[in-house]
């Protein structure tokens, strides 16, 4: 099969029919002379069938593409530093607004191909009031570079979030005088 950029630059590729599109990333960049990294960024390509705006899945086999010409679109690059990275922030705070302790752990995992997972676990408790609450917020989606500055990269995260809260409040041992029989 062959691959063509909108600029007209193209290349021919031959490989095993079971090869996955994602496995050809480096070969394609090299064949199209796009394999030069600039400022710690690696170029990325999106491949589609002619006349289609839907990108081919990287896990798809190339066998059905034999004899066809694929359209390639150069995508904004992914910074090398964030592929396969996990960022973590932890927070613990003592007595605040009547709660003895609030703690949270926040994680953001970035994967190659522009996907991310966000996870935040928060725990509040007050031993005097027998109160405890746990909240978990999770989001998954896609990330992309939306801006660059001097030594900084701005990432845009788009996805879906779901939260789960569990807690308990234990009843007091005190007896209300109005409930007593005299």
C-alpha atoms as a PDB file:
ATOM      1  CA  UNK A   1       0.000   0.000   0.000  1.00  0.00           C
ATOM      2  CA  UNK A   2       1.040   3.617  -0.295  1.00  0.00           C
ATOM      3  CA  UNK A   3       0.682   6.648   1.945  1.00  0.00           C
ATOM      4  CA  UNK A   4       0.353  10.241   0.731  1.00  0.00           C
ATOM      5  CA  UNK A   5       0.476  13.542   2.591  1.00  0.00           C
ATOM      6  CA  UNK A   6      -1.696  16.455   1.497  1.00  0.00           C
ATOM      7  CA  UNK A   7       1.517  18.192   0.384  1.00  0.00           C
ATOM      8  CA  UNK A   8       1.924  15.488  -2.277  1.00  0.00           C
ATOM      9  CA  UNK A   9       4.843  13.694  -0.616  1.00  0.00           C
ATOM     10  CA  UNK A  10       4.216   9.930  -0.650  1.00  0.00           C
ATOM     11  CA  UNK A  11       5.828   6.568  -0.050  1.00  0.00           C
ATOM     12  CA  UNK A  12       5.228   2.880  -0.781  1.00  0.00           C
ATOM     13  CA  UNK A  13       5.235   0.343   2.045  1.00  0.00           C
ATOM     14  CA  UNK A  14       5.265  -3.420   1.998  1.00  0.00           C
ATOM     15  CA  UNK A  15       4.972  -5.543   5.097  1.00  0.00           C
ATOM     16  CA  UNK A  16       3.229  -8.601   6.496  1.00  0.00           C
ATOM     17  CA  UNK A  17      -0.594  -8.512   6.282  1.00  0.00           C
ATOM     18  CA  UNK A  18      -0.795  -9.043  10.054  1.00  0.00           C
ATOM     19  CA  UNK A  19       1.300  -5.940  10.842  1.00  0.00           C
ATOM     20  CA  UNK A  20      -0.640  -3.378  12.855  1.00  0.00           C
ATOM     21  CA  UNK A  21      -0.844   0.251  11.690  1.00  0.00           C
ATOM     22  CA  UNK A  22       0.619   1.430  15.009  1.00  0.00           C
ATOM     23  CA  UNK A  23       3.726  -0.719  14.459  1.00  0.00           C
ATOM     24  CA  UNK A  24       4.534   1.215  11.280  1.00  0.00           C
ATOM     25  CA  UNK A  25       4.742   4.648  12.906  1.00  0.00           C
ATOM     26  CA  UNK A  26       8.524   4.971  12.821  1.00  0.00           C
ATOM     27  CA  UNK A  27       8.800   3.407   9.346  1.00  0.00           C
ATOM     28  CA  UNK A  28       6.201   5.813   7.947  1.00  0.00           C
ATOM     29  CA  UNK A  29       7.847   8.879   9.465  1.00  0.00           C
ATOM     30  CA  UNK A  30      11.213   7.788   8.070  1.00  0.00           C
ATOM     31  CA  UNK A  31       9.831   6.987   4.590  1.00  0.00           C
ATOM     32  CA  UNK A  32       8.088  10.379   4.441  1.00  0.00           C
ATOM     33  CA  UNK A  33      11.256  12.075   5.784  1.00  0.00           C
ATOM     34  CA  UNK A  34       9.418  13.323   8.863  1.00  0.00           C
ATOM     35  CA  UNK A  35      11.494  11.439  11.422  1.00  0.00           C
ATOM     36  CA  UNK A  36      13.433  14.479  12.639  1.00  0.00           C
ATOM     37  CA  UNK A  37      12.463  15.368  16.200  1.00  0.00           C
ATOM     38  CA  UNK A  38      12.381  19.059  17.026  1.00  0.00           C
ATOM     39  CA  UNK A  39      12.497  20.478  20.549  1.00  0.00           C
ATOM     40  CA  UNK A  40      11.743  17.088  22.184  1.00  0.00           C
ATOM     41  CA  UNK A  41       8.620  16.621  20.036  1.00  0.00           C
ATOM     42  CA  UNK A  42       8.017  13.674  17.729  1.00  0.00           C
ATOM     43  CA  UNK A  43       5.790  14.166  14.651  1.00  0.00           C
ATOM     44  CA  UNK A  44       2.581  12.103  14.505  1.00  0.00           C
ATOM     45  CA  UNK A  45       0.452  10.935  11.587  1.00  0.00           C
ATOM     46  CA  UNK A  46      -3.219  10.108  11.266  1.00  0.00           C
ATOM     47  CA  UNK A  47      -4.070   7.677   8.456  1.00  0.00           C
ATOM     48  CA  UNK A  48      -7.428   7.340   6.713  1.00  0.00           C
ATOM     49  CA  UNK A  49      -8.894   5.831   3.573  1.00  0.00           C
ATOM     50  CA  UNK A  50      -9.378   8.247   0.653  1.00  0.00           C
ATOM     51  CA  UNK A  51     -12.560  10.310   1.067  1.00  0.00           C
ATOM     52  CA  UNK A  52     -12.954   9.340   4.741  1.00  0.00           C
ATOM     53  CA  UNK A  53     -12.428  11.640   7.703  1.00  0.00           C
ATOM     54  CA  UNK A  54     -12.269   8.715  10.152  1.00  0.00           C
ATOM     55  CA  UNK A  55      -8.752   7.813  11.234  1.00  0.00           C
ATOM     56  CA  UNK A  56      -7.744   4.170  10.982  1.00  0.00           C
ATOM     57  CA  UNK A  57      -7.225   2.484  14.351  1.00  0.00           C
ATOM     58  CA  UNK A  58      -3.588   1.821  15.251  1.00  0.00           C
ATOM     59  CA  UNK A  59      -4.547  -1.723  16.296  1.00  0.00           C
ATOM     60  CA  UNK A  60      -5.943  -2.508  12.800  1.00  0.00           C
ATOM     61  CA  UNK A  61      -4.067  -4.909  10.519  1.00  0.00           C
ATOM     62  CA  UNK A  62      -2.736  -3.558   7.232  1.00  0.00           C
ATOM     63  CA  UNK A  63      -3.814  -6.674   5.248  1.00  0.00           C
ATOM     64  CA  UNK A  64      -7.133  -5.207   4.019  1.00  0.00           C
ATOM     65  CA  UNK A  65      -5.284  -2.079   2.845  1.00  0.00           C
ATOM     66  CA  UNK A  66      -3.210  -3.888   0.196  1.00  0.00           C
ATOM     67  CA  UNK A  67      -3.097  -1.956  -3.078  1.00  0.00           C
ATOM     68  CA  UNK A  68      -4.728   1.176  -1.629  1.00  0.00           C
ATOM     69  CA  UNK A  69      -3.386   4.687  -1.130  1.00  0.00           C
ATOM     70  CA  UNK A  70      -3.960   6.053   2.362  1.00  0.00           C
ATOM     71  CA  UNK A  71      -4.230   9.729   3.199  1.00  0.00           C
ATOM     72  CA  UNK A  72      -1.863  10.900   5.907  1.00  0.00           C
ATOM     73  CA  UNK A  73      -2.370  14.028   7.980  1.00  0.00           C
ATOM     74  CA  UNK A  74       0.431  15.425  10.098  1.00  0.00           C
ATOM     75  CA  UNK A  75      -0.886  15.923  13.640  1.00  0.00           C
ATOM     76  CA  UNK A  76       0.429  18.268  16.319  1.00  0.00           C
ATOM     77  CA  UNK A  77       3.391  16.550  17.969  1.00  0.00           C
ATOM     78  CA  UNK A  78       3.370  14.856  21.355  1.00  0.00           C
ATOM     79  CA  UNK A  79       6.044  16.001  23.773  1.00  0.00           C
ATOM     80  CA  UNK A  80       8.354  13.077  24.627  1.00  0.00           C
ATOM     81  CA  UNK A  81       8.391  13.973  28.326  1.00  0.00           C
ATOM     82  CA  UNK A  82       4.726  13.144  28.924  1.00  0.00           C
ATOM     83  CA  UNK A  83       4.230   9.850  27.087  1.00  0.00           C
ATOM     84  CA  UNK A  84       3.920   7.079  29.650  1.00  0.00           C
ATOM     85  CA  UNK A  85       4.244   9.548  32.537  1.00  0.00           C
ATOM     86  CA  UNK A  86       2.372   9.656  35.852  1.00  0.00           C
ATOM     87  CA  UNK A  87       2.064  12.850  37.843  1.00  0.00           C
ATOM     88  CA  UNK A  88       1.011  12.687  41.500  1.00  0.00           C
ATOM     89  CA  UNK A  89       0.001  15.300  44.034  1.00  0.00           C
ATOM     90  CA  UNK A  90      -0.781  14.455  47.670  1.00  0.00           C
ATOM     91  CA  UNK A  91      -2.426  16.686  50.241  1.00  0.00           C
ATOM     92  CA  UNK A  92      -3.026  16.219  53.975  1.00  0.00           C
ATOM     93  CA  UNK A  93      -4.534  18.895  56.180  1.00  0.00           C
ATOM     94  CA  UNK A  94      -5.389  18.741  59.883  1.00  0.00           C
ATOM     95  CA  UNK A  95      -8.364  20.284  61.680  1.00  0.00           C
ATOM     96  CA  UNK A  96     -10.308  22.360  59.154  1.00  0.00           C
ATOM     97  CA  UNK A  97     -13.968  23.430  59.441  1.00  0.00           C
ATOM     98  CA  UNK A  98     -14.664  20.854  62.143  1.00  0.00           C
ATOM     99  CA  UNK A  99     -13.039  17.938  60.325  1.00  0.00           C
ATOM    100  CA  UNK A 100     -10.010  16.404  61.899  1.00  0.00           C
ATOM    101  CA  UNK A 101      -8.364  15.428  58.683  1.00  0.00           C
ATOM    102  CA  UNK A 102      -8.722  15.872  54.968  1.00  0.00           C
ATOM    103  CA  UNK A 103      -6.390  14.041  52.631  1.00  0.00           C
ATOM    104  CA  UNK A 104      -6.285  13.510  48.902  1.00  0.00           C
ATOM    105  CA  UNK A 105      -4.130  11.838  46.307  1.00  0.00           C
ATOM    106  CA  UNK A 106      -4.403  12.978  42.699  1.00  0.00           C
ATOM    107  CA  UNK A 107      -2.879  11.098  39.760  1.00  0.00           C
ATOM    108  CA  UNK A 108      -2.744  11.964  36.058  1.00  0.00           C
ATOM    109  CA  UNK A 109      -1.396   9.310  33.679  1.00  0.00           C
ATOM    110  CA  UNK A 110      -0.510  10.290  30.093  1.00  0.00           C
ATOM    111  CA  UNK A 111      -0.204   7.581  27.435  1.00  0.00           C
ATOM    112  CA  UNK A 112       1.247   7.619  23.960  1.00  0.00           C
ATOM    113  CA  UNK A 113      -1.391   8.255  21.340  1.00  0.00           C
ATOM    114  CA  UNK A 114      -2.992  11.079  23.289  1.00  0.00           C
ATOM    115  CA  UNK A 115      -4.982   9.290  26.009  1.00  0.00           C
ATOM    116  CA  UNK A 116      -5.040  10.124  29.719  1.00  0.00           C
ATOM    117  CA  UNK A 117      -6.508   8.889  33.004  1.00  0.00           C
ATOM    118  CA  UNK A 118      -7.202  11.198  35.962  1.00  0.00           C
ATOM    119  CA  UNK A 119      -7.848   9.762  39.421  1.00  0.00           C
ATOM    120  CA  UNK A 120      -8.458  11.674  42.648  1.00  0.00           C
ATOM    121  CA  UNK A 121      -9.156   9.990  45.990  1.00  0.00           C
ATOM    122  CA  UNK A 122     -10.255  12.219  48.875  1.00  0.00           C
ATOM    123  CA  UNK A 123     -10.866  11.181  52.497  1.00  0.00           C
ATOM    124  CA  UNK A 124     -12.463  13.361  55.203  1.00  0.00           C
ATOM    125  CA  UNK A 125     -13.030  12.268  58.759  1.00  0.00           C
ATOM    126  CA  UNK A 126     -13.824  13.662  62.176  1.00  0.00           C
ATOM    127  CA  UNK A 127     -13.288  11.243  65.043  1.00  0.00           C
ATOM    128  CA  UNK A 128     -15.269  13.347  67.541  1.00  0.00           C
ATOM    129  CA  UNK A 129     -18.399  13.370  65.386  1.00  0.00           C
ATOM    130  CA  UNK A 130     -17.918   9.834  64.058  1.00  0.00           C
ATOM    131  CA  UNK A 131     -17.978  11.145  60.501  1.00  0.00           C
ATOM    132  CA  UNK A 132     -16.104   9.710  57.547  1.00  0.00           C
ATOM    133  CA  UNK A 133     -16.430  10.303  53.815  1.00  0.00           C
ATOM    134  CA  UNK A 134     -14.478   8.982  50.831  1.00  0.00           C
ATOM    135  CA  UNK A 135     -14.824  10.396  47.342  1.00  0.00           C
ATOM    136  CA  UNK A 136     -13.243   9.000  44.187  1.00  0.00           C
ATOM    137  CA  UNK A 137     -13.258  10.978  40.959  1.00  0.00           C
ATOM    138  CA  UNK A 138     -12.012   9.370  37.773  1.00  0.00           C
ATOM    139  CA  UNK A 139     -11.812  10.730  34.232  1.00  0.00           C
ATOM    140  CA  UNK A 140     -10.552   9.208  31.012  1.00  0.00           C
ATOM    141  CA  UNK A 141     -10.164  10.852  27.666  1.00  0.00           C
ATOM    142  CA  UNK A 142      -7.774  12.356  25.156  1.00  0.00           C
ATOM    143  CA  UNK A 143      -5.071  14.969  25.540  1.00  0.00           C
ATOM    144  CA  UNK A 144      -3.427  17.209  22.989  1.00  0.00           C
ATOM    145  CA  UNK A 145      -0.888  20.000  22.963  1.00  0.00           C
ATOM    146  CA  UNK A 146      -2.753  23.307  22.793  1.00  0.00           C
ATOM    147  CA  UNK A 147       0.123  25.717  23.368  1.00  0.00           C
ATOM    148  CA  UNK A 148       3.845  25.998  23.916  1.00  0.00           C
ATOM    149  CA  UNK A 149       5.971  28.632  25.577  1.00  0.00           C
ATOM    150  CA  UNK A 150       9.480  29.031  26.877  1.00  0.00           C
ATOM    151  CA  UNK A 151      10.030  25.679  28.590  1.00  0.00           C
ATOM    152  CA  UNK A 152       6.277  25.124  29.061  1.00  0.00           C
ATOM    153  CA  UNK A 153       3.685  23.022  27.289  1.00  0.00           C
ATOM    154  CA  UNK A 154      -0.056  23.549  27.708  1.00  0.00           C
ATOM    155  CA  UNK A 155      -2.129  20.371  27.373  1.00  0.00           C
ATOM    156  CA  UNK A 156      -5.864  20.291  26.727  1.00  0.00           C
ATOM    157  CA  UNK A 157      -7.668  17.354  28.383  1.00  0.00           C
ATOM    158  CA  UNK A 158     -11.072  16.267  27.073  1.00  0.00           C
ATOM    159  CA  UNK A 159     -12.962  13.307  28.460  1.00  0.00           C
ATOM    160  CA  UNK A 160     -15.673  11.967  30.726  1.00  0.00           C
ATOM    161  CA  UNK A 161     -15.675  12.096  34.504  1.00  0.00           C
ATOM    162  CA  UNK A 162     -17.415   9.913  37.054  1.00  0.00           C
ATOM    163  CA  UNK A 163     -17.485  10.279  40.835  1.00  0.00           C
ATOM    164  CA  UNK A 164     -18.331   7.932  43.666  1.00  0.00           C
ATOM    165  CA  UNK A 165     -18.837   9.033  47.281  1.00  0.00           C
ATOM    166  CA  UNK A 166     -19.184   6.739  50.267  1.00  0.00           C
ATOM    167  CA  UNK A 167     -19.466   7.775  53.868  1.00  0.00           C
ATOM    168  CA  UNK A 168     -20.946   7.081  57.238  1.00  0.00           C
ATOM    169  CA  UNK A 169     -22.128   9.077  60.214  1.00  0.00           C
ATOM    170  CA  UNK A 170     -22.510   7.067  63.371  1.00  0.00           C
ATOM    171  CA  UNK A 171     -25.504   7.864  65.612  1.00  0.00           C
ATOM    172  CA  UNK A 172     -24.800   9.445  68.972  1.00  0.00           C
ATOM    173  CA  UNK A 173     -25.061   7.401  72.201  1.00  0.00           C
ATOM    174  CA  UNK A 174     -26.847  10.284  73.928  1.00  0.00           C
ATOM    175  CA  UNK A 175     -30.516   9.661  74.728  1.00  0.00           C
ATOM    176  CA  UNK A 176     -33.052  12.377  74.131  1.00  0.00           C
ATOM    177  CA  UNK A 177     -35.191  12.937  77.267  1.00  0.00           C
ATOM    178  CA  UNK A 178     -38.335  13.322  75.169  1.00  0.00           C
ATOM    179  CA  UNK A 179     -38.087   9.742  74.000  1.00  0.00           C
ATOM    180  CA  UNK A 180     -38.095   8.331  77.537  1.00  0.00           C
ATOM    181  CA  UNK A 181     -41.221   6.877  79.178  1.00  0.00           C
ATOM    182  CA  UNK A 182     -41.779   8.268  82.687  1.00  0.00           C
END
